């Protein structure tokens, strides 16, 4: 992305690496949706409904062939995030309501 234009940069990006997370992904996305300026989901080969669920949400979906290396997948997800701050979260994690108020208090 060319930052010489006047496009505002998101303040807070969330990144997720997922594969076959249909059981958890919706809850995770809902828990961060109202504080995230950008959500980047990197799918590493889901064969369940994960991609379908992700597409129903306001996220940036990218695909990456799993090569057995979490750091490679993490770096690929980070490549797509454009926020000033990047928060890494797993699909089975939730940001609790009481934590959201404290999140920006620093």
C-alpha atoms as a PDB file:
ATOM      1  CA  UNK A   1       0.000   0.000   0.000  1.00  0.00           C
ATOM      2  CA  UNK A   2       1.338   3.411  -0.897  1.00  0.00           C
ATOM      3  CA  UNK A   3       1.423   5.513   2.251  1.00  0.00           C
ATOM      4  CA  UNK A   4       2.233   8.690   0.290  1.00  0.00           C
ATOM      5  CA  UNK A   5      -1.436   9.105  -0.495  1.00  0.00           C
ATOM      6  CA  UNK A   6      -3.957  10.448   2.003  1.00  0.00           C
ATOM      7  CA  UNK A   7      -5.437   7.059   2.825  1.00  0.00           C
ATOM      8  CA  UNK A   8      -5.789   6.836   6.607  1.00  0.00           C
ATOM      9  CA  UNK A   9      -3.833   4.017   8.185  1.00  0.00           C
ATOM     10  CA  UNK A  10      -5.791   1.715  10.505  1.00  0.00           C
ATOM     11  CA  UNK A  11      -4.803   2.143  14.129  1.00  0.00           C
ATOM     12  CA  UNK A  12      -5.390  -1.450  15.246  1.00  0.00           C
ATOM     13  CA  UNK A  13      -5.110  -4.560  13.109  1.00  0.00           C
ATOM     14  CA  UNK A  14      -5.936  -8.051  14.314  1.00  0.00           C
ATOM     15  CA  UNK A  15      -4.409 -11.068  12.564  1.00  0.00           C
ATOM     16  CA  UNK A  16      -5.562 -14.673  12.694  1.00  0.00           C
ATOM     17  CA  UNK A  17      -4.059 -17.793  11.154  1.00  0.00           C
ATOM     18  CA  UNK A  18      -6.776 -20.384  10.642  1.00  0.00           C
ATOM     19  CA  UNK A  19      -7.400 -23.881   9.348  1.00  0.00           C
ATOM     20  CA  UNK A  20     -10.688 -25.692   9.913  1.00  0.00           C
ATOM     21  CA  UNK A  21     -11.871 -23.341  12.650  1.00  0.00           C
ATOM     22  CA  UNK A  22     -15.613 -23.272  11.848  1.00  0.00           C
ATOM     23  CA  UNK A  23     -16.400 -24.109  15.472  1.00  0.00           C
ATOM     24  CA  UNK A  24     -14.591 -21.031  16.836  1.00  0.00           C
ATOM     25  CA  UNK A  25     -14.018 -18.349  14.198  1.00  0.00           C
ATOM     26  CA  UNK A  26     -17.390 -16.582  14.410  1.00  0.00           C
ATOM     27  CA  UNK A  27     -17.102 -16.015  18.159  1.00  0.00           C
ATOM     28  CA  UNK A  28     -13.571 -14.719  17.844  1.00  0.00           C
ATOM     29  CA  UNK A  29     -14.463 -12.282  15.061  1.00  0.00           C
ATOM     30  CA  UNK A  30     -17.491 -11.029  16.990  1.00  0.00           C
ATOM     31  CA  UNK A  31     -15.365 -10.415  20.070  1.00  0.00           C
ATOM     32  CA  UNK A  32     -12.968  -8.090  18.219  1.00  0.00           C
ATOM     33  CA  UNK A  33     -15.179  -6.569  15.508  1.00  0.00           C
ATOM     34  CA  UNK A  34     -16.110  -3.407  17.416  1.00  0.00           C
ATOM     35  CA  UNK A  35     -12.547  -2.395  18.323  1.00  0.00           C
ATOM     36  CA  UNK A  36     -10.617  -3.584  15.281  1.00  0.00           C
ATOM     37  CA  UNK A  37      -9.885  -1.121  12.511  1.00  0.00           C
ATOM     38  CA  UNK A  38      -8.783  -4.048  10.357  1.00  0.00           C
ATOM     39  CA  UNK A  39      -9.005  -7.821  10.660  1.00  0.00           C
ATOM     40  CA  UNK A  40      -6.709 -10.003   8.568  1.00  0.00           C
ATOM     41  CA  UNK A  41      -7.500 -13.720   8.351  1.00  0.00           C
ATOM     42  CA  UNK A  42      -4.918 -16.008   6.768  1.00  0.00           C
ATOM     43  CA  UNK A  43      -6.382 -19.391   5.871  1.00  0.00           C
ATOM     44  CA  UNK A  44      -3.888 -22.236   5.539  1.00  0.00           C
ATOM     45  CA  UNK A  45      -6.122 -24.766   3.809  1.00  0.00           C
ATOM     46  CA  UNK A  46      -9.507 -25.091   5.492  1.00  0.00           C
ATOM     47  CA  UNK A  47     -11.805 -27.833   4.229  1.00  0.00           C
ATOM     48  CA  UNK A  48     -14.731 -27.035   6.546  1.00  0.00           C
ATOM     49  CA  UNK A  49     -16.975 -23.916   6.599  1.00  0.00           C
ATOM     50  CA  UNK A  50     -14.269 -21.584   7.980  1.00  0.00           C
ATOM     51  CA  UNK A  51     -13.883 -19.570   4.763  1.00  0.00           C
ATOM     52  CA  UNK A  52     -17.647 -19.253   4.322  1.00  0.00           C
ATOM     53  CA  UNK A  53     -17.981 -17.891   7.876  1.00  0.00           C
ATOM     54  CA  UNK A  54     -15.054 -15.505   7.472  1.00  0.00           C
ATOM     55  CA  UNK A  55     -16.506 -14.084   4.242  1.00  0.00           C
ATOM     56  CA  UNK A  56     -19.695 -13.092   6.113  1.00  0.00           C
ATOM     57  CA  UNK A  57     -17.636 -10.734   8.262  1.00  0.00           C
ATOM     58  CA  UNK A  58     -15.818  -7.505   7.450  1.00  0.00           C
ATOM     59  CA  UNK A  59     -12.312  -8.959   7.173  1.00  0.00           C
ATOM     60  CA  UNK A  60      -9.441  -9.228   4.739  1.00  0.00           C
ATOM     61  CA  UNK A  61      -9.143 -12.898   3.787  1.00  0.00           C
ATOM     62  CA  UNK A  62      -5.910 -14.258   2.343  1.00  0.00           C
ATOM     63  CA  UNK A  63      -4.716 -17.775   1.619  1.00  0.00           C
ATOM     64  CA  UNK A  64      -1.374 -19.385   2.335  1.00  0.00           C
ATOM     65  CA  UNK A  65      -0.283 -22.939   1.663  1.00  0.00           C
ATOM     66  CA  UNK A  66       0.685 -24.568   4.956  1.00  0.00           C
ATOM     67  CA  UNK A  67       4.356 -25.559   4.902  1.00  0.00           C
ATOM     68  CA  UNK A  68       4.571 -26.809   8.487  1.00  0.00           C
ATOM     69  CA  UNK A  69       6.018 -23.555   9.780  1.00  0.00           C
ATOM     70  CA  UNK A  70       4.004 -21.300  12.092  1.00  0.00           C
ATOM     71  CA  UNK A  71       6.505 -18.466  11.786  1.00  0.00           C
ATOM     72  CA  UNK A  72       6.149 -18.451   7.990  1.00  0.00           C
ATOM     73  CA  UNK A  73       2.368 -18.274   8.298  1.00  0.00           C
ATOM     74  CA  UNK A  74       2.592 -15.590  10.997  1.00  0.00           C
ATOM     75  CA  UNK A  75       4.947 -13.491   8.864  1.00  0.00           C
ATOM     76  CA  UNK A  76       2.615 -13.854   5.891  1.00  0.00           C
ATOM     77  CA  UNK A  77      -0.364 -12.678   7.968  1.00  0.00           C
ATOM     78  CA  UNK A  78       1.650  -9.726   9.270  1.00  0.00           C
ATOM     79  CA  UNK A  79       2.533  -8.792   5.699  1.00  0.00           C
ATOM     80  CA  UNK A  80      -1.140  -7.990   5.036  1.00  0.00           C
ATOM     81  CA  UNK A  81      -1.768  -6.027   8.248  1.00  0.00           C
ATOM     82  CA  UNK A  82      -1.497  -2.265   7.834  1.00  0.00           C
ATOM     83  CA  UNK A  83      -2.285  -0.988  11.325  1.00  0.00           C
ATOM     84  CA  UNK A  84      -0.058   1.058  13.584  1.00  0.00           C
ATOM     85  CA  UNK A  85      -0.570  -1.717  16.158  1.00  0.00           C
ATOM     86  CA  UNK A  86      -1.022  -5.397  15.343  1.00  0.00           C
ATOM     87  CA  UNK A  87      -2.734  -7.778  17.756  1.00  0.00           C
ATOM     88  CA  UNK A  88      -2.326 -11.502  17.111  1.00  0.00           C
ATOM     89  CA  UNK A  89      -5.233 -13.684  18.232  1.00  0.00           C
ATOM     90  CA  UNK A  90      -6.175 -17.330  17.705  1.00  0.00           C
ATOM     91  CA  UNK A  91      -9.605 -18.374  16.448  1.00  0.00           C
ATOM     92  CA  UNK A  92     -10.423 -20.127  19.720  1.00  0.00           C
ATOM     93  CA  UNK A  93      -9.665 -16.999  21.764  1.00  0.00           C
ATOM     94  CA  UNK A  94     -12.086 -14.221  22.719  1.00  0.00           C
ATOM     95  CA  UNK A  95     -11.508 -10.665  23.827  1.00  0.00           C
ATOM     96  CA  UNK A  96     -13.759 -10.253  26.849  1.00  0.00           C
ATOM     97  CA  UNK A  97     -16.002  -7.186  27.161  1.00  0.00           C
ATOM     98  CA  UNK A  98     -14.366  -5.972  30.374  1.00  0.00           C
ATOM     99  CA  UNK A  99     -10.971  -6.218  28.716  1.00  0.00           C
ATOM    100  CA  UNK A 100     -11.989  -3.987  25.798  1.00  0.00           C
ATOM    101  CA  UNK A 101     -12.439  -0.992  28.081  1.00  0.00           C
ATOM    102  CA  UNK A 102      -8.949  -1.500  29.507  1.00  0.00           C
ATOM    103  CA  UNK A 103      -7.441  -2.278  26.125  1.00  0.00           C
ATOM    104  CA  UNK A 104      -7.006   1.363  25.121  1.00  0.00           C
ATOM    105  CA  UNK A 105      -6.341   2.689  28.625  1.00  0.00           C
ATOM    106  CA  UNK A 106      -2.542   2.553  28.388  1.00  0.00           C
END
